[in-house]
Amino acid sequence: MRAKNWLICFAVIVAFTAAAQGQTLPKVRAAYTSISIQFDAVYIMKELNLPRKYGLDAEILFVPVSSRAVQAALAGEIQFITSGGVANINANVTGADFTGLTATLNTFVFKIIANPELKKPENLKGKKIGISRLGGASDFSIRYALTHWGLVPDKDVALIQVGGEPEEVLALQNKAVDAVILSEPFATVARRAGAVVLADLSQLGVPYTMHGFGARKSYIQANRDTTIRFMKAYLEGIYVFKTNKDIALNVLKKYTRLDDLSLVQVAYDEMSQRLIRRVPYPDREGIQTIIDQLAKTRPQMKNLNPSDFIDPTILKEIEDSGFVKKLYGN
């Protein structure tokens, strides 16, 4: 009931704001590339139409493949995309001009979920691991972890692209793969179906830029005010996620299509209180981790400067204005 009343009040405010403006709002498109709890602030942005509150007509789309989102952004069809940092770096090496505006997460959040007969990471040798998509965050994370354990990806362990995280769960249940790499709430879904947690990659303590919003440098330079407005909407999405559990979980339930909210209770507490920050600045160290890992197979990347792939000035300008303090009331 509290969530419903909050939504009604917000809708009234938005309606009055739009009427008061009496003009056509700048249009933007944004894309998110996965369905998981760390994207809940983006879903909240969409459900509450927060960009309109800040003077934007925004269309927020699900584009399940990062490379497609990158291509759409290069074509000017999408202005803001979420990525784990990997897609931005790979695109820029081939001539693009993407930059990370936020880093929603600054470490790995995936878990390796396996059939019960596997007892430790070393048992993955000779096995098949299901990932969402080659070149994505799950692919990068599992390659990093396998190398950490002394295993060679694609040689000691086969990496099989199976689609999104729900498809990974099905692939594991159908024994098409021996293990999968999942974030919440799908890691818990797989565990409740009888699988086991072989490793929690968040325990590695590795800085890693994940699921932040990014945009083309050329777009930001030409549309800085629009970029600031969009980022304010995102920061308010994070605020609602962190402070209104009812809305956060109900929105997540809709997008994950999971009826049992107990699946995400523990993950929500960890994400909202510890992992997702009020102001998720992009991080040089997180980008450096990506560069170092990519350089193992592409030595030409070794000398890349992580600062070239992030732009913290947008969030700093917003924070310096007092926006975040006003949002949280302190």
C-alpha atoms as a PDB file:
ATOM      1  CA  MET A   1       0.000   0.000   0.000  1.00  0.00           C
ATOM      2  CA  ARG A   2       2.840   2.404   0.850  1.00  0.00           C
ATOM      3  CA  ALA A   3       4.480   1.680  -2.493  1.00  0.00           C
ATOM      4  CA  LYS A   4       1.190   2.263  -4.330  1.00  0.00           C
ATOM      5  CA  ASN A   5       0.596   5.621  -2.603  1.00  0.00           C
ATOM      6  CA  TRP A   6       4.154   6.689  -3.334  1.00  0.00           C
ATOM      7  CA  LEU A   7       3.709   5.872  -7.011  1.00  0.00           C
ATOM      8  CA  ILE A   8       0.421   7.821  -7.204  1.00  0.00           C
ATOM      9  CA  CYS A   9       1.984  10.902  -5.598  1.00  0.00           C
ATOM     10  CA  PHE A  10       4.955  10.708  -7.910  1.00  0.00           C
ATOM     11  CA  ALA A  11       2.738  10.420 -10.985  1.00  0.00           C
ATOM     12  CA  VAL A  12       0.845  13.568  -9.954  1.00  0.00           C
ATOM     13  CA  ILE A  13       4.116  15.486  -9.496  1.00  0.00           C
ATOM     14  CA  VAL A  14       5.376  14.373 -12.908  1.00  0.00           C
ATOM     15  CA  ALA A  15       2.095  15.379 -14.561  1.00  0.00           C
ATOM     16  CA  PHE A  16       2.238  18.873 -13.080  1.00  0.00           C
ATOM     17  CA  THR A  17       5.916  19.225 -14.000  1.00  0.00           C
ATOM     18  CA  ALA A  18       5.275  18.267 -17.627  1.00  0.00           C
ATOM     19  CA  ALA A  19       2.283  20.603 -17.867  1.00  0.00           C
ATOM     20  CA  ALA A  20       4.255  23.469 -16.373  1.00  0.00           C
ATOM     21  CA  GLN A  21       7.009  23.027 -18.924  1.00  0.00           C
ATOM     22  CA  GLY A  22       4.500  23.217 -21.797  1.00  0.00           C
ATOM     23  CA  GLN A  23       7.104  22.293 -24.351  1.00  0.00           C
ATOM     24  CA  THR A  24       8.602  19.344 -26.164  1.00  0.00           C
ATOM     25  CA  LEU A  25      11.184  17.623 -23.999  1.00  0.00           C
ATOM     26  CA  PRO A  26      14.572  16.485 -25.334  1.00  0.00           C
ATOM     27  CA  LYS A  27      14.369  12.830 -26.349  1.00  0.00           C
ATOM     28  CA  VAL A  28      16.931  10.244 -25.321  1.00  0.00           C
ATOM     29  CA  ARG A  29      17.188   6.491 -25.526  1.00  0.00           C
ATOM     30  CA  ALA A  30      18.989   4.305 -23.019  1.00  0.00           C
ATOM     31  CA  ALA A  31      19.672   0.575 -23.075  1.00  0.00           C
ATOM     32  CA  TYR A  32      20.220  -1.937 -20.292  1.00  0.00           C
ATOM     33  CA  THR A  33      21.733  -5.259 -21.253  1.00  0.00           C
ATOM     34  CA  SER A  34      20.790  -7.750 -18.561  1.00  0.00           C
ATOM     35  CA  ILE A  35      18.091  -8.765 -16.077  1.00  0.00           C
ATOM     36  CA  SER A  36      19.469  -8.915 -12.540  1.00  0.00           C
ATOM     37  CA  ILE A  37      19.200  -7.120  -9.235  1.00  0.00           C
ATOM     38  CA  GLN A  38      22.077  -4.718  -9.916  1.00  0.00           C
ATOM     39  CA  PHE A  39      19.981  -3.162 -12.703  1.00  0.00           C
ATOM     40  CA  ASP A  40      17.008  -2.497 -10.444  1.00  0.00           C
ATOM     41  CA  ALA A  41      17.739   1.234 -10.227  1.00  0.00           C
ATOM     42  CA  VAL A  42      17.447   1.353 -14.029  1.00  0.00           C
ATOM     43  CA  TYR A  43      14.124  -0.502 -13.951  1.00  0.00           C
ATOM     44  CA  ILE A  44      12.922   1.951 -11.286  1.00  0.00           C
ATOM     45  CA  MET A  45      13.941   4.864 -13.514  1.00  0.00           C
ATOM     46  CA  LYS A  46      11.781   3.386 -16.230  1.00  0.00           C
ATOM     47  CA  GLU A  47       8.780   2.469 -14.087  1.00  0.00           C
ATOM     48  CA  LEU A  48       8.614   5.856 -12.349  1.00  0.00           C
ATOM     49  CA  ASN A  49       9.595   7.768 -15.501  1.00  0.00           C
ATOM     50  CA  LEU A  50      12.231   9.627 -13.520  1.00  0.00           C
ATOM     51  CA  PRO A  51      13.891  11.196 -16.584  1.00  0.00           C
ATOM     52  CA  ARG A  52      10.685  13.198 -17.232  1.00  0.00           C
ATOM     53  CA  LYS A  53      10.992  14.691 -13.759  1.00  0.00           C
ATOM     54  CA  TYR A  54      14.307  16.146 -14.937  1.00  0.00           C
ATOM     55  CA  GLY A  55      13.009  17.409 -18.247  1.00  0.00           C
ATOM     56  CA  LEU A  56      13.692  14.470 -20.563  1.00  0.00           C
ATOM     57  CA  ASP A  57      11.519  12.286 -22.752  1.00  0.00           C
ATOM     58  CA  ALA A  58      13.381   9.008 -22.270  1.00  0.00           C
ATOM     59  CA  GLU A  59      12.863   5.579 -23.761  1.00  0.00           C
ATOM     60  CA  ILE A  60      14.642   2.896 -21.735  1.00  0.00           C
ATOM     61  CA  LEU A  61      15.052  -0.344 -23.663  1.00  0.00           C
ATOM     62  CA  PHE A  62      16.240  -3.879 -22.991  1.00  0.00           C
ATOM     63  CA  VAL A  63      18.989  -4.797 -25.470  1.00  0.00           C
ATOM     64  CA  PRO A  64      20.234  -8.207 -24.306  1.00  0.00           C
ATOM     65  CA  VAL A  65      23.542  -8.165 -26.190  1.00  0.00           C
ATOM     66  CA  SER A  66      26.160  -5.530 -25.298  1.00  0.00           C
ATOM     67  CA  SER A  67      27.642  -5.515 -28.797  1.00  0.00           C
ATOM     68  CA  ARG A  68      24.223  -4.628 -30.257  1.00  0.00           C
ATOM     69  CA  ALA A  69      23.834  -1.793 -27.755  1.00  0.00           C
ATOM     70  CA  VAL A  70      27.268  -0.498 -28.713  1.00  0.00           C
ATOM     71  CA  GLN A  71      26.403  -0.652 -32.415  1.00  0.00           C
ATOM     72  CA  ALA A  72      23.127   1.186 -31.796  1.00  0.00           C
ATOM     73  CA  ALA A  73      24.972   3.886 -29.837  1.00  0.00           C
ATOM     74  CA  LEU A  74      27.544   4.284 -32.611  1.00  0.00           C
ATOM     75  CA  ALA A  75      24.660   4.721 -35.049  1.00  0.00           C
ATOM     76  CA  GLY A  76      23.156   7.433 -32.832  1.00  0.00           C
ATOM     77  CA  GLU A  77      20.065   5.359 -32.056  1.00  0.00           C
ATOM     78  CA  ILE A  78      20.885   5.045 -28.335  1.00  0.00           C
ATOM     79  CA  GLN A  79      22.567   7.694 -26.194  1.00  0.00           C
ATOM     80  CA  PHE A  80      23.228   5.867 -22.901  1.00  0.00           C
ATOM     81  CA  ILE A  81      24.125   2.215 -22.438  1.00  0.00           C
ATOM     82  CA  THR A  82      24.978   0.026 -19.484  1.00  0.00           C
ATOM     83  CA  SER A  83      28.077  -2.097 -19.768  1.00  0.00           C
ATOM     84  CA  GLY A  84      30.635  -3.823 -17.609  1.00  0.00           C
ATOM     85  CA  GLY A  85      33.408  -1.670 -19.019  1.00  0.00           C
ATOM     86  CA  VAL A  86      34.616  -4.482 -21.287  1.00  0.00           C
ATOM     87  CA  ALA A  87      32.336  -3.502 -24.179  1.00  0.00           C
ATOM     88  CA  ASN A  88      33.427   0.146 -23.996  1.00  0.00           C
ATOM     89  CA  ILE A  89      37.121  -0.726 -24.038  1.00  0.00           C
ATOM     90  CA  ASN A  90      36.783  -3.214 -26.900  1.00  0.00           C
ATOM     91  CA  ALA A  91      34.810  -0.683 -28.931  1.00  0.00           C
ATOM     92  CA  ASN A  92      37.269   2.145 -28.271  1.00  0.00           C
ATOM     93  CA  VAL A  93      40.246   0.058 -29.332  1.00  0.00           C
ATOM     94  CA  THR A  94      38.594  -0.217 -32.748  1.00  0.00           C
ATOM     95  CA  GLY A  95      37.953   3.531 -33.007  1.00  0.00           C
ATOM     96  CA  ALA A  96      34.864   4.311 -30.913  1.00  0.00           C
ATOM     97  CA  ASP A  97      34.702   7.057 -28.275  1.00  0.00           C
ATOM     98  CA  PHE A  98      32.764   5.601 -25.335  1.00  0.00           C
ATOM     99  CA  THR A  99      33.336   6.710 -21.764  1.00  0.00           C
ATOM    100  CA  GLY A 100      32.004   5.378 -18.475  1.00  0.00           C
ATOM    101  CA  LEU A 101      29.911   7.842 -16.471  1.00  0.00           C
ATOM    102  CA  THR A 102      29.194   5.535 -13.535  1.00  0.00           C
ATOM    103  CA  ALA A 103      30.297   2.197 -12.105  1.00  0.00           C
ATOM    104  CA  THR A 104      27.225   0.795 -10.407  1.00  0.00           C
ATOM    105  CA  LEU A 105      29.369  -2.009  -9.022  1.00  0.00           C
ATOM    106  CA  ASN A 106      33.110  -1.963  -8.377  1.00  0.00           C
ATOM    107  CA  THR A 107      33.762  -5.669  -7.981  1.00  0.00           C
ATOM    108  CA  PHE A 108      32.588  -9.015  -9.295  1.00  0.00           C
ATOM    109  CA  VAL A 109      29.139 -10.050  -8.079  1.00  0.00           C
ATOM    110  CA  PHE A 110      28.838 -13.365  -9.900  1.00  0.00           C
ATOM    111  CA  LYS A 111      28.711 -16.791  -8.322  1.00  0.00           C
ATOM    112  CA  ILE A 112      29.803 -19.993 -10.023  1.00  0.00           C
ATOM    113  CA  ILE A 113      26.935 -22.426  -9.584  1.00  0.00           C
ATOM    114  CA  ALA A 114      27.611 -26.086 -10.344  1.00  0.00           C
ATOM    115  CA  ASN A 115      26.244 -29.589 -10.250  1.00  0.00           C
ATOM    116  CA  PRO A 116      26.653 -31.070  -6.747  1.00  0.00           C
ATOM    117  CA  GLU A 117      29.386 -33.522  -7.796  1.00  0.00           C
ATOM    118  CA  LEU A 118      31.789 -30.615  -8.308  1.00  0.00           C
ATOM    119  CA  LYS A 119      33.360 -29.696  -4.960  1.00  0.00           C
ATOM    120  CA  LYS A 120      36.002 -27.044  -5.716  1.00  0.00           C
ATOM    121  CA  PRO A 121      37.026 -24.763  -8.600  1.00  0.00           C
ATOM    122  CA  GLU A 122      39.833 -27.105  -9.661  1.00  0.00           C
ATOM    123  CA  ASN A 123      37.159 -29.689 -10.510  1.00  0.00           C
ATOM    124  CA  LEU A 124      36.111 -27.487 -13.457  1.00  0.00           C
ATOM    125  CA  LYS A 125      38.993 -28.806 -15.541  1.00  0.00           C
ATOM    126  CA  GLY A 126      37.576 -30.644 -18.537  1.00  0.00           C
ATOM    127  CA  LYS A 127      34.066 -29.324 -17.846  1.00  0.00           C
ATOM    128  CA  LYS A 128      31.657 -26.989 -19.637  1.00  0.00           C
ATOM    129  CA  ILE A 129      30.606 -23.660 -18.114  1.00  0.00           C
ATOM    130  CA  GLY A 130      27.562 -21.783 -19.369  1.00  0.00           C
ATOM    131  CA  ILE A 131      27.883 -18.020 -19.752  1.00  0.00           C
ATOM    132  CA  SER A 132      25.404 -15.416 -20.952  1.00  0.00           C
ATOM    133  CA  ARG A 133      27.346 -14.061 -23.910  1.00  0.00           C
ATOM    134  CA  LEU A 134      30.872 -14.132 -25.241  1.00  0.00           C
ATOM    135  CA  GLY A 135      32.570 -10.796 -24.644  1.00  0.00           C
ATOM    136  CA  GLY A 136      30.164  -9.782 -21.867  1.00  0.00           C
ATOM    137  CA  ALA A 137      30.623  -9.323 -18.137  1.00  0.00           C
ATOM    138  CA  SER A 138      30.010 -12.988 -17.276  1.00  0.00           C
ATOM    139  CA  ASP A 139      32.531 -14.087 -19.913  1.00  0.00           C
ATOM    140  CA  PHE A 140      35.162 -11.681 -18.600  1.00  0.00           C
ATOM    141  CA  SER A 141      34.522 -12.611 -14.963  1.00  0.00           C
ATOM    142  CA  ILE A 142      34.788 -16.366 -15.465  1.00  0.00           C
ATOM    143  CA  ARG A 143      37.942 -15.997 -17.549  1.00  0.00           C
ATOM    144  CA  TYR A 144      39.505 -13.912 -14.807  1.00  0.00           C
ATOM    145  CA  ALA A 145      38.517 -16.446 -12.143  1.00  0.00           C
ATOM    146  CA  LEU A 146      39.730 -19.467 -14.119  1.00  0.00           C
ATOM    147  CA  THR A 147      43.103 -17.809 -14.677  1.00  0.00           C
ATOM    148  CA  HIS A 148      43.248 -17.014 -10.954  1.00  0.00           C
ATOM    149  CA  TRP A 149      42.783 -20.740 -10.220  1.00  0.00           C
ATOM    150  CA  GLY A 150      45.444 -21.803 -12.709  1.00  0.00           C
ATOM    151  CA  LEU A 151      43.028 -22.992 -15.397  1.00  0.00           C
ATOM    152  CA  VAL A 152      43.224 -21.940 -19.037  1.00  0.00           C
ATOM    153  CA  PRO A 153      39.898 -20.746 -20.519  1.00  0.00           C
ATOM    154  CA  ASP A 154      38.884 -22.486 -23.760  1.00  0.00           C
ATOM    155  CA  LYS A 155      41.584 -25.103 -23.195  1.00  0.00           C
ATOM    156  CA  ASP A 156      41.092 -26.541 -19.718  1.00  0.00           C
ATOM    157  CA  VAL A 157      37.471 -25.394 -19.548  1.00  0.00           C
ATOM    158  CA  ALA A 158      34.922 -24.932 -22.357  1.00  0.00           C
ATOM    159  CA  LEU A 159      32.857 -21.720 -22.194  1.00  0.00           C
ATOM    160  CA  ILE A 160      29.417 -22.127 -23.758  1.00  0.00           C
ATOM    161  CA  GLN A 161      27.247 -19.140 -24.690  1.00  0.00           C
ATOM    162  CA  VAL A 162      23.659 -19.976 -23.748  1.00  0.00           C
ATOM    163  CA  GLY A 163      21.839 -16.608 -23.550  1.00  0.00           C
ATOM    164  CA  GLY A 164      20.664 -14.718 -20.452  1.00  0.00           C
ATOM    165  CA  GLU A 165      20.818 -15.876 -16.858  1.00  0.00           C
ATOM    166  CA  PRO A 166      17.400 -17.641 -16.919  1.00  0.00           C
ATOM    167  CA  GLU A 167      18.688 -19.657 -19.876  1.00  0.00           C
ATOM    168  CA  GLU A 168      21.842 -20.499 -17.909  1.00  0.00           C
ATOM    169  CA  VAL A 169      19.722 -21.923 -15.090  1.00  0.00           C
ATOM    170  CA  LEU A 170      17.841 -24.116 -17.566  1.00  0.00           C
ATOM    171  CA  ALA A 171      21.069 -25.261 -19.218  1.00  0.00           C
ATOM    172  CA  LEU A 172      22.424 -26.348 -15.831  1.00  0.00           C
ATOM    173  CA  GLN A 173      19.213 -28.126 -14.876  1.00  0.00           C
ATOM    174  CA  ASN A 174      19.166 -29.953 -18.223  1.00  0.00           C
ATOM    175  CA  LYS A 175      22.840 -30.937 -17.785  1.00  0.00           C
ATOM    176  CA  ALA A 176      23.813 -29.183 -21.014  1.00  0.00           C
ATOM    177  CA  VAL A 177      26.650 -27.641 -18.962  1.00  0.00           C
ATOM    178  CA  ASP A 178      28.406 -28.590 -15.724  1.00  0.00           C
ATOM    179  CA  ALA A 179      28.390 -25.116 -14.191  1.00  0.00           C
ATOM    180  CA  VAL A 180      27.188 -21.585 -14.870  1.00  0.00           C
ATOM    181  CA  ILE A 181      28.120 -18.087 -13.760  1.00  0.00           C
ATOM    182  CA  LEU A 182      25.166 -16.186 -12.274  1.00  0.00           C
ATOM    183  CA  SER A 183      24.309 -13.083 -10.308  1.00  0.00           C
ATOM    184  CA  GLU A 184      21.313 -12.764  -8.004  1.00  0.00           C
ATOM    185  CA  PRO A 185      18.486 -13.631  -7.930  1.00  0.00           C
ATOM    186  CA  PHE A 186      19.178 -16.409 -10.431  1.00  0.00           C
ATOM    187  CA  ALA A 187      22.030 -17.856  -8.385  1.00  0.00           C
ATOM    188  CA  THR A 188      19.510 -18.530  -5.608  1.00  0.00           C
ATOM    189  CA  VAL A 189      17.018 -19.973  -8.112  1.00  0.00           C
ATOM    190  CA  ALA A 190      19.650 -22.488  -9.237  1.00  0.00           C
ATOM    191  CA  ARG A 191      20.657 -23.338  -5.671  1.00  0.00           C
ATOM    192  CA  ARG A 192      17.067 -24.028  -4.678  1.00  0.00           C
ATOM    193  CA  ALA A 193      16.848 -26.414  -7.631  1.00  0.00           C
ATOM    194  CA  GLY A 194      19.725 -28.458  -6.196  1.00  0.00           C
ATOM    195  CA  ALA A 195      22.905 -26.832  -7.506  1.00  0.00           C
ATOM    196  CA  VAL A 196      25.758 -25.677  -5.282  1.00  0.00           C
ATOM    197  CA  VAL A 197      27.872 -22.533  -5.026  1.00  0.00           C
ATOM    198  CA  LEU A 198      31.322 -23.511  -6.222  1.00  0.00           C
ATOM    199  CA  ALA A 199      32.750 -20.016  -5.752  1.00  0.00           C
ATOM    200  CA  ASP A 200      31.590 -16.494  -4.901  1.00  0.00           C
ATOM    201  CA  LEU A 201      33.678 -14.149  -7.036  1.00  0.00           C
ATOM    202  CA  SER A 202      32.879 -11.152  -4.838  1.00  0.00           C
ATOM    203  CA  GLN A 203      35.136 -12.788  -2.248  1.00  0.00           C
ATOM    204  CA  LEU A 204      38.150 -12.340  -4.544  1.00  0.00           C
ATOM    205  CA  GLY A 205      38.162  -8.626  -3.680  1.00  0.00           C
ATOM    206  CA  VAL A 206      39.065  -7.642  -7.238  1.00  0.00           C
ATOM    207  CA  PRO A 207      38.314  -4.067  -8.381  1.00  0.00           C
ATOM    208  CA  TYR A 208      36.163  -4.364 -11.495  1.00  0.00           C
ATOM    209  CA  THR A 209      33.954  -1.805 -13.227  1.00  0.00           C
ATOM    210  CA  MET A 210      30.546  -3.358 -13.801  1.00  0.00           C
ATOM    211  CA  HIS A 211      27.142  -2.255 -15.083  1.00  0.00           C
ATOM    212  CA  GLY A 212      27.700   1.455 -15.188  1.00  0.00           C
ATOM    213  CA  PHE A 213      26.062   3.865 -17.601  1.00  0.00           C
ATOM    214  CA  GLY A 214      28.240   5.073 -20.424  1.00  0.00           C
ATOM    215  CA  ALA A 215      27.897   7.319 -23.469  1.00  0.00           C
ATOM    216  CA  ARG A 216      29.929   8.550 -26.390  1.00  0.00           C
ATOM    217  CA  LYS A 217      32.324  11.382 -25.574  1.00  0.00           C
ATOM    218  CA  SER A 218      31.109  13.300 -28.604  1.00  0.00           C
ATOM    219  CA  TYR A 219      27.514  13.062 -27.372  1.00  0.00           C
ATOM    220  CA  ILE A 220      28.419  14.270 -23.875  1.00  0.00           C
ATOM    221  CA  GLN A 221      30.367  17.235 -25.235  1.00  0.00           C
ATOM    222  CA  ALA A 222      27.427  18.309 -27.399  1.00  0.00           C
ATOM    223  CA  ASN A 223      24.725  17.478 -24.824  1.00  0.00           C
ATOM    224  CA  ARG A 224      26.226  17.970 -21.378  1.00  0.00           C
ATOM    225  CA  ASP A 225      23.043  19.400 -19.847  1.00  0.00           C
ATOM    226  CA  THR A 226      21.002  16.454 -21.123  1.00  0.00           C
ATOM    227  CA  THR A 227      23.625  14.060 -19.745  1.00  0.00           C
ATOM    228  CA  ILE A 228      23.448  15.714 -16.327  1.00  0.00           C
ATOM    229  CA  ARG A 229      19.651  15.491 -16.327  1.00  0.00           C
ATOM    230  CA  PHE A 230      19.756  11.798 -17.217  1.00  0.00           C
ATOM    231  CA  MET A 231      22.324  11.075 -14.529  1.00  0.00           C
ATOM    232  CA  LYS A 232      20.183  12.881 -11.942  1.00  0.00           C
ATOM    233  CA  ALA A 233      17.318  10.566 -12.870  1.00  0.00           C
ATOM    234  CA  TYR A 234      19.624   7.570 -12.444  1.00  0.00           C
ATOM    235  CA  LEU A 235      20.871   8.794  -9.066  1.00  0.00           C
ATOM    236  CA  GLU A 236      17.258   9.151  -7.945  1.00  0.00           C
ATOM    237  CA  GLY A 237      16.633   5.606  -9.177  1.00  0.00           C
ATOM    238  CA  ILE A 238      19.466   4.472  -6.903  1.00  0.00           C
ATOM    239  CA  TYR A 239      17.969   6.518  -4.071  1.00  0.00           C
ATOM    240  CA  VAL A 240      14.578   4.810  -4.439  1.00  0.00           C
ATOM    241  CA  PHE A 241      16.300   1.423  -4.700  1.00  0.00           C
ATOM    242  CA  LYS A 242      18.243   2.007  -1.488  1.00  0.00           C
ATOM    243  CA  THR A 243      15.482   3.608   0.574  1.00  0.00           C
ATOM    244  CA  ASN A 244      12.181   2.075  -0.569  1.00  0.00           C
ATOM    245  CA  LYS A 245      12.398  -1.690  -0.341  1.00  0.00           C
ATOM    246  CA  ASP A 246       8.740  -2.224  -1.293  1.00  0.00           C
ATOM    247  CA  ILE A 247       9.096  -0.435  -4.612  1.00  0.00           C
ATOM    248  CA  ALA A 248      12.528  -1.910  -5.292  1.00  0.00           C
ATOM    249  CA  LEU A 249      11.418  -5.509  -4.803  1.00  0.00           C
ATOM    250  CA  ASN A 250       8.111  -5.134  -6.640  1.00  0.00           C
ATOM    251  CA  VAL A 251       9.826  -3.589  -9.653  1.00  0.00           C
ATOM    252  CA  LEU A 252      12.472  -6.316  -9.571  1.00  0.00           C
ATOM    253  CA  LYS A 253       9.736  -8.950  -9.375  1.00  0.00           C
ATOM    254  CA  LYS A 254       8.181  -7.561 -12.549  1.00  0.00           C
ATOM    255  CA  TYR A 255      11.403  -7.538 -14.565  1.00  0.00           C
ATOM    256  CA  THR A 256      12.793 -10.882 -13.386  1.00  0.00           C
ATOM    257  CA  ARG A 257       9.334 -12.519 -13.597  1.00  0.00           C
ATOM    258  CA  LEU A 258       9.967 -14.226 -10.267  1.00  0.00           C
ATOM    259  CA  ASP A 259       6.955 -14.592  -7.995  1.00  0.00           C
ATOM    260  CA  ASP A 260       8.904 -15.505  -4.861  1.00  0.00           C
ATOM    261  CA  LEU A 261      10.442 -12.326  -3.426  1.00  0.00           C
ATOM    262  CA  SER A 262      12.258 -14.361  -0.773  1.00  0.00           C
ATOM    263  CA  LEU A 263      14.692 -15.201  -3.575  1.00  0.00           C
ATOM    264  CA  VAL A 264      16.060 -11.671  -3.515  1.00  0.00           C
ATOM    265  CA  GLN A 265      15.750 -10.558   0.116  1.00  0.00           C
ATOM    266  CA  VAL A 266      19.364 -11.245   1.116  1.00  0.00           C
ATOM    267  CA  ALA A 267      20.744 -10.028  -2.199  1.00  0.00           C
ATOM    268  CA  TYR A 268      18.711  -6.820  -1.930  1.00  0.00           C
ATOM    269  CA  ASP A 269      20.080  -6.057   1.531  1.00  0.00           C
ATOM    270  CA  GLU A 270      23.653  -6.594   0.355  1.00  0.00           C
ATOM    271  CA  MET A 271      23.220  -4.543  -2.809  1.00  0.00           C
ATOM    272  CA  SER A 272      21.280  -1.674  -1.276  1.00  0.00           C
ATOM    273  CA  GLN A 273      23.393  -1.268   1.843  1.00  0.00           C
ATOM    274  CA  ARG A 274      26.898  -2.244   0.761  1.00  0.00           C
ATOM    275  CA  LEU A 275      27.615  -2.786  -2.921  1.00  0.00           C
ATOM    276  CA  ILE A 276      25.663  -0.037  -4.715  1.00  0.00           C
ATOM    277  CA  ARG A 277      26.831   3.419  -3.662  1.00  0.00           C
ATOM    278  CA  ARG A 278      24.818   6.620  -3.537  1.00  0.00           C
ATOM    279  CA  VAL A 279      27.173   8.216  -6.053  1.00  0.00           C
ATOM    280  CA  PRO A 280      28.687   5.405  -8.149  1.00  0.00           C
ATOM    281  CA  TYR A 281      31.782   7.099  -9.522  1.00  0.00           C
ATOM    282  CA  PRO A 282      33.615   5.259 -12.310  1.00  0.00           C
ATOM    283  CA  ASP A 283      36.824   3.737 -11.033  1.00  0.00           C
ATOM    284  CA  ARG A 284      40.329   3.729 -12.571  1.00  0.00           C
ATOM    285  CA  GLU A 285      41.325   0.568 -10.721  1.00  0.00           C
ATOM    286  CA  GLY A 286      38.276  -1.292 -12.001  1.00  0.00           C
ATOM    287  CA  ILE A 287      39.130  -0.351 -15.577  1.00  0.00           C
ATOM    288  CA  GLN A 288      42.780  -1.309 -15.038  1.00  0.00           C
ATOM    289  CA  THR A 289      41.680  -4.827 -14.051  1.00  0.00           C
ATOM    290  CA  ILE A 290      39.900  -5.134 -17.387  1.00  0.00           C
ATOM    291  CA  ILE A 291      42.872  -3.795 -19.343  1.00  0.00           C
ATOM    292  CA  ASP A 292      45.301  -6.162 -17.599  1.00  0.00           C
ATOM    293  CA  GLN A 293      43.106  -9.188 -18.317  1.00  0.00           C
ATOM    294  CA  LEU A 294      42.510  -8.259 -21.971  1.00  0.00           C
ATOM    295  CA  ALA A 295      46.236  -7.634 -22.450  1.00  0.00           C
ATOM    296  CA  LYS A 296      46.990 -11.286 -21.688  1.00  0.00           C
ATOM    297  CA  THR A 297      45.651 -12.215 -25.119  1.00  0.00           C
ATOM    298  CA  ARG A 298      46.052  -8.824 -26.819  1.00  0.00           C
ATOM    299  CA  PRO A 299      49.401  -7.327 -25.746  1.00  0.00           C
ATOM    300  CA  GLN A 300      48.680  -4.084 -27.609  1.00  0.00           C
ATOM    301  CA  MET A 301      46.220  -3.189 -24.845  1.00  0.00           C
ATOM    302  CA  LYS A 302      48.856  -3.231 -22.132  1.00  0.00           C
ATOM    303  CA  ASN A 303      49.658   0.472 -22.355  1.00  0.00           C
ATOM    304  CA  LEU A 304      46.093   1.756 -22.387  1.00  0.00           C
ATOM    305  CA  ASN A 305      45.345   4.502 -19.860  1.00  0.00           C
ATOM    306  CA  PRO A 306      42.271   3.660 -17.698  1.00  0.00           C
ATOM    307  CA  SER A 307      41.480   7.364 -17.301  1.00  0.00           C
ATOM    308  CA  ASP A 308      40.725   7.509 -21.033  1.00  0.00           C
ATOM    309  CA  PHE A 309      37.689   5.267 -20.487  1.00  0.00           C
ATOM    310  CA  ILE A 310      35.910   7.117 -17.688  1.00  0.00           C
ATOM    311  CA  ASP A 311      34.450  10.575 -17.079  1.00  0.00           C
ATOM    312  CA  PRO A 312      33.764  11.279 -13.388  1.00  0.00           C
ATOM    313  CA  THR A 313      33.102  14.995 -13.993  1.00  0.00           C
ATOM    314  CA  ILE A 314      29.362  14.570 -14.597  1.00  0.00           C
ATOM    315  CA  LEU A 315      28.720  12.925 -11.222  1.00  0.00           C
ATOM    316  CA  LYS A 316      31.082  15.346  -9.490  1.00  0.00           C
ATOM    317  CA  GLU A 317      29.215  18.345 -10.883  1.00  0.00           C
ATOM    318  CA  ILE A 318      25.924  16.857  -9.686  1.00  0.00           C
ATOM    319  CA  GLU A 319      27.276  16.000  -6.239  1.00  0.00           C
ATOM    320  CA  ASP A 320      28.972  19.404  -5.823  1.00  0.00           C
ATOM    321  CA  SER A 321      25.619  21.065  -6.536  1.00  0.00           C
ATOM    322  CA  GLY A 322      24.172  19.501  -3.364  1.00  0.00           C
ATOM    323  CA  PHE A 323      21.736  17.335  -5.327  1.00  0.00           C
ATOM    324  CA  VAL A 324      22.608  14.071  -3.578  1.00  0.00           C
ATOM    325  CA  LYS A 325      22.544  15.555  -0.073  1.00  0.00           C
ATOM    326  CA  LYS A 326      19.151  17.051  -0.783  1.00  0.00           C
ATOM    327  CA  LEU A 327      17.917  13.726  -2.157  1.00  0.00           C
ATOM    328  CA  TYR A 328      18.849  11.804   0.975  1.00  0.00           C
ATOM    329  CA  GLY A 329      18.032  14.614   3.380  1.00  0.00           C
ATOM    330  CA  ASN A 330      21.477  15.047   4.918  1.00  0.00           C
END
